[in-house]
Amino acid sequence: MPRSSVVIVSPALAAANNGNWRTARRWQLLLAREHRVRVVQQWPDADAARDTLMLALHARRSADSIAAWSQAHPRRGLAVVLTGTDLYQDIATDPAAQRSLELAQRLVVLQELGAQALPESCRDKARVIFQSTPQRATVAKSARLLRAVMAGHLRAVKSPQTLFEAARLLREDDDIRIDHIGDAGDADLGEQARATAADCPNYRWLGPVPHALARQRIQRAHVLVHTSAMEGGAHVIMEAVRSGTPVLASRVPGNVGMLGTDYGGYFPHGDAPALARLLADCRAGQTAKDPARGLLARLAGQCAIRAPLFDSSAERAALLQLLHELDRP
């Protein structure tokens, strides 16, 4: 296809260094060989006249830019990239988010089940683009104990209370250790994390750490725990899978869409006893006569099958196909 000028609208830019910005920047780099790509927070701006295609992250938060583009260029390609809050919250109640769905030529979801959350009238516009992250080598891990890690800021949507309760249920099991990474976005949840650490010697709240260090801890852990109530396609799951670290995740659509419907490491959202049982089962498999048949090994095998979905070459090919579709008259 001819070289296009693509504008990516992101609610957050480099200073925020959050998921929206990292996605926007990664896409800019993946597309730079074939297209001119720039990232803005609001459209139009001083350089808007050159733009020929728009990729807008977030139906609600980028709604003004989406509406402005549609009014200025009703026949130019527009794709809206849908987050977890778009899919599982805003598009059901927010008129601006609903309008963004109507205006877009394509709707991008970041995991396999995302399109099911869309109104039926919009589903034919949906395309799945899995995000990507570099592969890391699977490191050798001691069977002396089970080390679990959870990485996510302490916010209600991440359901950290499930982890707190599971840690309390396992407080007598000194061979199961739980590290928790994340800033206290909610002060009350921060207090609960500190109280859990004080009461449970097997639980540590490490607070916020640089992204590179978080990835290293995920790579070295035996298992990642992900307790969220709502996800659009969690980076941390992708990072674990690409590091050879299996995942225990809440059975919510955003997680199932990343790991697959037949994955063996789900627990019902909010069910701390079920999470505690899975952690105990992972530990039991380490000490069994044949660890290769234990839960931890089985989950690692399932994650290895999913890992190629999150490769940068697959993400780049899907993005180029999307732009090809948007560039048609």
Protein backbone atom coordinates (compact mmCIF):
# COMPACT_ATOMS: atom_id res chain seq x y z
CA MET A 1 0.00 0.00 0.00
CA PRO A 2 1.19 3.58 -0.54
CA ARG A 3 2.99 5.32 2.31
CA SER A 4 0.41 6.97 4.58
CA SER A 5 0.61 9.59 7.31
CA VAL A 6 -0.82 7.90 10.39
CA VAL A 7 -1.77 9.78 13.54
CA ILE A 8 -2.10 7.78 16.74
CA VAL A 9 -4.23 9.46 19.41
CA SER A 10 -3.27 8.39 22.92
CA PRO A 11 -4.87 9.75 26.12
CA ALA A 12 -1.41 9.61 27.71
CA LEU A 13 2.00 10.54 26.33
CA ALA A 14 5.58 9.75 27.35
CA ALA A 15 5.44 11.47 30.74
CA ALA A 16 2.75 9.06 31.94
CA ASN A 17 4.63 5.95 30.71
CA ASN A 18 1.46 3.87 31.10
CA GLY A 19 -0.08 1.18 28.94
CA ASN A 20 -1.67 3.61 26.47
CA TRP A 21 1.61 5.39 25.86
CA ARG A 22 3.65 2.19 25.55
CA THR A 23 1.17 0.83 23.00
CA ALA A 24 1.19 4.06 20.99
CA ARG A 25 4.99 4.28 20.98
CA ARG A 26 5.43 0.60 20.09
CA TRP A 27 3.00 0.92 17.18
CA GLN A 28 4.80 4.03 15.98
CA LEU A 29 8.06 2.09 15.85
CA LEU A 30 6.53 -1.03 14.28
CA LEU A 31 4.97 1.00 11.45
CA ALA A 32 7.80 3.48 10.85
CA ARG A 33 9.37 1.54 7.97
CA GLU A 34 6.26 1.79 5.78
CA HIS A 35 4.45 4.89 7.07
CA ARG A 36 4.90 8.30 8.61
CA VAL A 37 3.55 7.95 12.13
CA ARG A 38 3.14 10.50 14.90
CA VAL A 39 1.53 10.31 18.35
CA VAL A 40 -0.68 13.07 19.78
CA GLN A 41 -2.90 13.47 22.79
CA GLN A 42 -5.54 15.57 21.04
CA TRP A 43 -6.49 15.99 17.39
CA PRO A 44 -6.50 18.30 15.45
CA ASP A 45 -3.26 20.11 16.15
CA ALA A 46 -0.84 22.23 14.13
CA ASP A 47 0.31 19.26 12.01
CA ALA A 48 -3.13 17.74 11.40
CA ALA A 49 -3.33 18.63 7.69
CA ARG A 50 -0.88 15.86 6.68
CA ASP A 51 -2.68 13.03 8.45
CA THR A 52 -4.41 10.46 6.26
CA LEU A 53 -5.32 7.71 8.76
CA MET A 54 -6.13 7.75 12.48
CA LEU A 55 -5.69 5.09 15.15
CA ALA A 56 -7.38 6.31 18.35
CA LEU A 57 -6.73 4.56 21.65
CA HIS A 58 -9.78 4.52 23.95
CA ALA A 59 -13.34 5.10 22.74
CA ARG A 60 -14.32 7.41 25.59
CA ARG A 61 -11.15 9.28 26.44
CA SER A 62 -10.32 10.00 22.78
CA ALA A 63 -13.94 10.67 21.82
CA ASP A 64 -13.41 14.36 20.99
CA SER A 65 -10.54 13.58 18.61
CA ILE A 66 -12.54 10.76 17.00
CA ALA A 67 -15.53 13.04 16.43
CA ALA A 68 -13.31 15.82 15.02
CA TRP A 69 -11.64 13.42 12.59
CA SER A 70 -14.95 12.02 11.41
CA GLN A 71 -16.32 15.49 10.79
CA ALA A 72 -13.19 16.67 8.95
CA HIS A 73 -12.55 13.45 7.00
CA PRO A 74 -15.73 11.35 6.79
CA ARG A 75 -14.19 9.09 4.14
CA ARG A 76 -10.70 8.68 5.62
CA GLY A 77 -9.82 5.58 7.60
CA LEU A 78 -10.44 5.64 11.34
CA ALA A 79 -9.79 2.77 13.76
CA VAL A 80 -10.67 2.92 17.45
CA VAL A 81 -8.67 0.71 19.81
CA LEU A 82 -10.79 -0.54 22.70
CA THR A 83 -9.51 -0.89 26.26
CA GLY A 84 -11.00 -3.01 29.03
CA THR A 85 -12.95 -0.08 30.45
CA ASP A 86 -14.31 0.63 26.96
CA LEU A 87 -15.45 -2.94 26.38
CA TYR A 88 -16.72 -3.90 29.81
CA GLN A 89 -17.94 -0.56 31.14
CA ASP A 90 -18.11 2.58 29.00
CA ILE A 91 -19.74 1.39 25.78
CA ALA A 92 -22.75 0.18 27.75
CA THR A 93 -23.50 3.56 29.32
CA ASP A 94 -21.39 6.39 27.89
CA PRO A 95 -22.85 8.21 24.84
CA ALA A 96 -19.44 9.53 23.72
CA ALA A 97 -17.95 6.02 23.73
CA GLN A 98 -20.98 4.66 21.89
CA ARG A 99 -20.62 7.38 19.26
CA SER A 100 -16.97 6.45 18.77
CA LEU A 101 -18.01 2.89 17.88
CA GLU A 102 -20.42 4.22 15.27
CA LEU A 103 -17.89 6.57 13.66
CA ALA A 104 -15.03 4.07 13.33
CA GLN A 105 -14.44 2.05 10.17
CA ARG A 106 -12.60 -0.55 12.26
CA LEU A 107 -12.64 -1.46 15.97
CA VAL A 108 -9.50 -3.03 17.39
CA VAL A 109 -9.71 -5.42 20.34
CA LEU A 110 -6.59 -6.71 22.06
CA GLN A 111 -7.71 -10.24 22.88
CA GLU A 112 -9.82 -12.97 21.30
CA LEU A 113 -13.05 -12.43 23.25
CA GLY A 114 -13.14 -8.64 22.93
CA ALA A 115 -15.55 -8.56 20.00
CA GLN A 116 -18.17 -10.44 22.04
CA ALA A 117 -18.57 -7.35 24.25
CA LEU A 118 -19.48 -5.14 21.27
CA PRO A 119 -23.01 -4.44 20.08
CA GLU A 120 -23.89 -7.00 17.44
CA SER A 121 -24.19 -4.26 14.83
CA CYS A 122 -20.49 -3.37 15.30
CA ARG A 123 -18.89 -6.80 15.44
CA ASP A 124 -18.13 -7.04 11.74
CA LYS A 125 -15.84 -4.02 12.15
CA ALA A 126 -13.77 -5.72 14.88
CA ARG A 127 -10.20 -6.91 14.36
CA VAL A 128 -8.03 -8.68 16.95
CA ILE A 129 -4.49 -7.37 17.36
CA PHE A 130 -2.51 -9.01 20.14
CA GLN A 131 0.09 -6.72 21.64
CA SER A 132 3.70 -7.87 21.77
CA THR A 133 6.72 -7.89 24.03
CA PRO A 134 10.26 -9.26 23.60
CA GLN A 135 10.82 -12.92 24.36
CA ARG A 136 12.93 -13.66 27.44
CA ALA A 137 14.73 -16.87 28.20
CA THR A 138 13.09 -19.20 30.69
CA VAL A 139 15.42 -19.25 33.69
CA ALA A 140 16.11 -22.22 35.95
CA LYS A 141 14.10 -21.99 39.18
CA SER A 142 14.64 -23.77 42.46
CA ALA A 143 12.07 -26.34 43.62
CA ARG A 144 12.85 -25.46 47.24
CA LEU A 145 9.81 -23.16 47.32
CA LEU A 146 7.13 -21.66 45.08
CA ARG A 147 7.62 -17.97 44.32
CA ALA A 148 4.52 -16.18 43.03
CA VAL A 149 4.43 -12.57 41.87
CA MET A 150 1.58 -10.17 41.17
CA ALA A 151 2.31 -6.98 39.22
CA GLY A 152 -0.33 -4.27 39.11
CA HIS A 153 -1.06 -1.00 40.86
CA LEU A 154 -3.33 -1.26 43.88
CA ARG A 155 -6.66 -0.21 42.34
CA ALA A 156 -10.13 -1.65 42.81
CA VAL A 157 -10.31 -2.91 39.21
CA LYS A 158 -7.22 -5.06 39.84
CA SER A 159 -8.92 -6.77 42.84
CA PRO A 160 -5.81 -6.96 45.05
CA GLN A 161 -8.01 -7.98 48.01
CA THR A 162 -8.18 -11.44 46.43
CA LEU A 163 -4.41 -11.74 46.75
CA PHE A 164 -4.43 -10.38 50.31
CA GLU A 165 -6.97 -13.00 51.37
CA ALA A 166 -5.14 -15.82 49.57
CA ALA A 167 -1.92 -14.83 51.34
CA ARG A 168 -3.71 -15.06 54.69
CA LEU A 169 -5.08 -18.48 53.82
CA LEU A 170 -1.53 -19.63 53.01
CA ARG A 171 0.22 -17.86 55.88
CA GLU A 172 1.31 -21.17 57.46
CA ASP A 173 2.85 -22.41 54.20
CA ASP A 174 6.36 -21.00 54.38
CA ASP A 175 7.31 -22.72 51.12
CA ILE A 176 4.90 -20.48 49.15
CA ARG A 177 6.15 -16.89 48.86
CA ILE A 178 4.15 -14.05 47.32
CA ASP A 179 5.68 -10.79 46.05
CA HIS A 180 3.33 -7.94 45.12
CA ILE A 181 4.50 -5.11 42.85
CA GLY A 182 2.52 -1.91 42.40
CA ASP A 183 1.89 1.61 43.58
CA ALA A 184 -0.89 2.32 46.08
CA GLY A 185 -3.22 4.16 43.71
CA ASP A 186 -5.87 3.65 46.39
CA ALA A 187 -4.67 4.61 49.89
CA ASP A 188 -6.99 2.15 51.60
CA LEU A 189 -5.68 -0.72 49.50
CA GLY A 190 -2.16 0.37 50.39
CA GLU A 191 -3.07 0.07 54.07
CA GLN A 192 -4.50 -3.40 53.42
CA ALA A 193 -1.26 -4.43 51.69
CA ARG A 194 0.81 -3.23 54.65
CA ALA A 195 -1.49 -5.06 57.08
CA THR A 196 -1.22 -8.27 55.06
CA ALA A 197 2.58 -8.01 55.03
CA ALA A 198 2.59 -7.49 58.80
CA ASP A 199 0.37 -10.52 59.41
CA CYS A 200 1.71 -12.89 56.75
CA PRO A 201 5.44 -13.62 56.59
CA ASN A 202 4.98 -15.21 53.15
CA TYR A 203 3.67 -11.95 51.56
CA ARG A 204 5.75 -8.91 50.58
CA TRP A 205 4.42 -5.67 49.11
CA LEU A 206 7.32 -4.22 47.14
CA GLY A 207 5.56 -1.02 46.03
CA PRO A 208 6.28 0.48 42.59
CA VAL A 209 9.41 -0.68 40.80
CA PRO A 210 10.86 0.24 37.36
CA HIS A 211 9.34 -1.71 34.49
CA ALA A 212 12.61 -3.50 33.71
CA LEU A 213 12.86 -4.75 37.29
CA ALA A 214 9.21 -5.86 37.27
CA ARG A 215 9.88 -7.91 34.14
CA GLN A 216 12.91 -9.45 35.79
CA ARG A 217 10.89 -10.48 38.83
CA ILE A 218 8.20 -11.98 36.57
CA GLN A 219 10.87 -13.90 34.66
CA ARG A 220 12.34 -15.33 37.89
CA ALA A 221 9.02 -16.22 39.52
CA HIS A 222 7.50 -19.68 39.28
CA VAL A 223 4.04 -18.21 38.56
CA LEU A 224 2.35 -14.87 37.92
CA VAL A 225 -0.93 -14.12 39.73
CA HIS A 226 -3.45 -11.85 37.99
CA THR A 227 -6.65 -11.13 39.92
CA SER A 228 -8.31 -8.37 37.85
CA ALA A 229 -12.03 -7.76 37.58
CA MET A 230 -11.73 -6.25 34.10
CA GLU A 231 -9.06 -6.34 31.39
CA GLY A 232 -8.79 -5.38 27.75
CA GLY A 233 -5.62 -7.44 27.22
CA ALA A 234 -3.17 -7.28 30.12
CA HIS A 235 0.48 -6.50 29.32
CA VAL A 236 1.59 -8.38 32.41
CA ILE A 237 0.06 -11.66 31.19
CA MET A 238 1.84 -11.26 27.87
CA GLU A 239 5.12 -10.49 29.65
CA ALA A 240 4.82 -13.58 31.81
CA VAL A 241 4.00 -15.87 28.90
CA ARG A 242 6.93 -14.47 26.90
CA SER A 243 9.23 -15.12 29.89
CA GLY A 244 8.28 -18.77 30.34
CA THR A 245 6.35 -17.98 33.54
CA PRO A 246 2.87 -19.56 33.78
CA VAL A 247 -0.13 -17.57 34.98
CA LEU A 248 -2.92 -17.98 37.51
CA ALA A 249 -5.66 -15.59 36.39
CA SER A 250 -9.22 -14.62 37.22
CA ARG A 251 -11.68 -16.08 34.75
CA VAL A 252 -12.80 -12.82 33.14
CA PRO A 253 -13.13 -12.33 29.37
CA GLY A 254 -10.00 -10.19 29.01
CA ASN A 255 -7.84 -12.90 30.59
CA VAL A 256 -9.51 -15.81 28.82
CA GLY A 257 -9.06 -13.96 25.52
CA MET A 258 -5.31 -13.84 26.19
CA LEU A 259 -4.72 -17.35 27.53
CA GLY A 260 -7.39 -19.38 25.74
CA THR A 261 -10.65 -20.99 26.79
CA ASP A 262 -9.04 -24.34 27.71
CA TYR A 263 -6.29 -22.89 29.92
CA GLY A 264 -5.95 -24.69 33.25
CA GLY A 265 -4.94 -21.82 35.53
CA TYR A 266 -8.18 -19.87 36.06
CA PHE A 267 -10.03 -19.15 39.28
CA PRO A 268 -13.39 -17.37 39.65
CA HIS A 269 -12.94 -13.63 40.03
CA GLY A 270 -12.74 -12.68 43.71
CA ASP A 271 -12.44 -16.30 44.89
CA ALA A 272 -9.41 -16.22 47.18
CA PRO A 273 -9.81 -19.83 48.41
CA ALA A 274 -9.72 -21.03 44.79
CA LEU A 275 -6.57 -18.98 44.14
CA ALA A 276 -4.98 -20.37 47.31
CA ARG A 277 -5.79 -23.92 46.19
CA LEU A 278 -4.17 -23.31 42.79
CA LEU A 279 -1.03 -21.96 44.44
CA ALA A 280 -0.94 -24.98 46.74
CA ASP A 281 -1.42 -27.30 43.74
CA CYS A 282 1.46 -25.59 41.93
CA ARG A 283 3.65 -26.13 44.98
CA ALA A 284 2.57 -29.77 45.33
CA GLY A 285 3.57 -30.45 41.75
CA GLN A 286 7.10 -29.18 42.42
CA THR A 287 7.64 -31.84 45.09
CA ALA A 288 5.82 -34.70 43.37
CA LYS A 289 7.62 -37.80 42.13
CA ASP A 290 7.17 -36.56 38.55
CA PRO A 291 7.10 -32.71 38.56
CA ALA A 292 6.67 -32.68 34.76
CA ARG A 293 3.10 -33.91 35.27
CA GLY A 294 2.25 -31.31 37.93
CA LEU A 295 0.03 -28.26 37.47
CA LEU A 296 2.90 -25.81 37.16
CA ALA A 297 4.49 -27.77 34.32
CA ARG A 298 1.16 -28.21 32.53
CA LEU A 299 0.46 -24.48 32.67
CA ALA A 300 3.95 -23.71 31.40
CA GLY A 301 3.29 -25.93 28.40
CA GLN A 302 0.00 -24.21 27.64
CA CYS A 303 1.63 -20.77 27.92
CA ALA A 304 4.41 -21.83 25.54
CA ILE A 305 1.78 -22.60 22.90
CA ARG A 306 0.30 -19.08 23.28
CA ALA A 307 3.65 -17.25 23.30
CA PRO A 308 3.94 -16.73 19.49
CA LEU A 309 0.69 -14.72 19.56
CA PHE A 310 2.56 -11.99 21.42
CA ASP A 311 5.54 -11.71 19.05
CA SER A 312 6.29 -8.33 17.48
CA SER A 313 6.24 -9.75 13.95
CA ALA A 314 2.65 -10.93 14.45
CA GLU A 315 1.60 -7.58 15.89
CA ARG A 316 3.27 -5.69 13.04
CA ALA A 317 1.62 -7.84 10.37
CA ALA A 318 -1.80 -7.31 11.96
CA LEU A 319 -1.25 -3.54 12.12
CA LEU A 320 -0.20 -3.37 8.48
CA GLN A 321 -3.28 -5.36 7.47
CA LEU A 322 -5.44 -2.96 9.48
CA LEU A 323 -3.95 0.08 7.72
CA HIS A 324 -4.41 -1.65 4.36
CA GLU A 325 -8.12 -2.05 5.12
CA LEU A 326 -8.44 1.55 6.33
CA ASP A 327 -6.70 2.92 3.24
CA ARG A 328 -9.26 1.48 0.84
CA PRO A 329 -11.69 4.01 -0.64
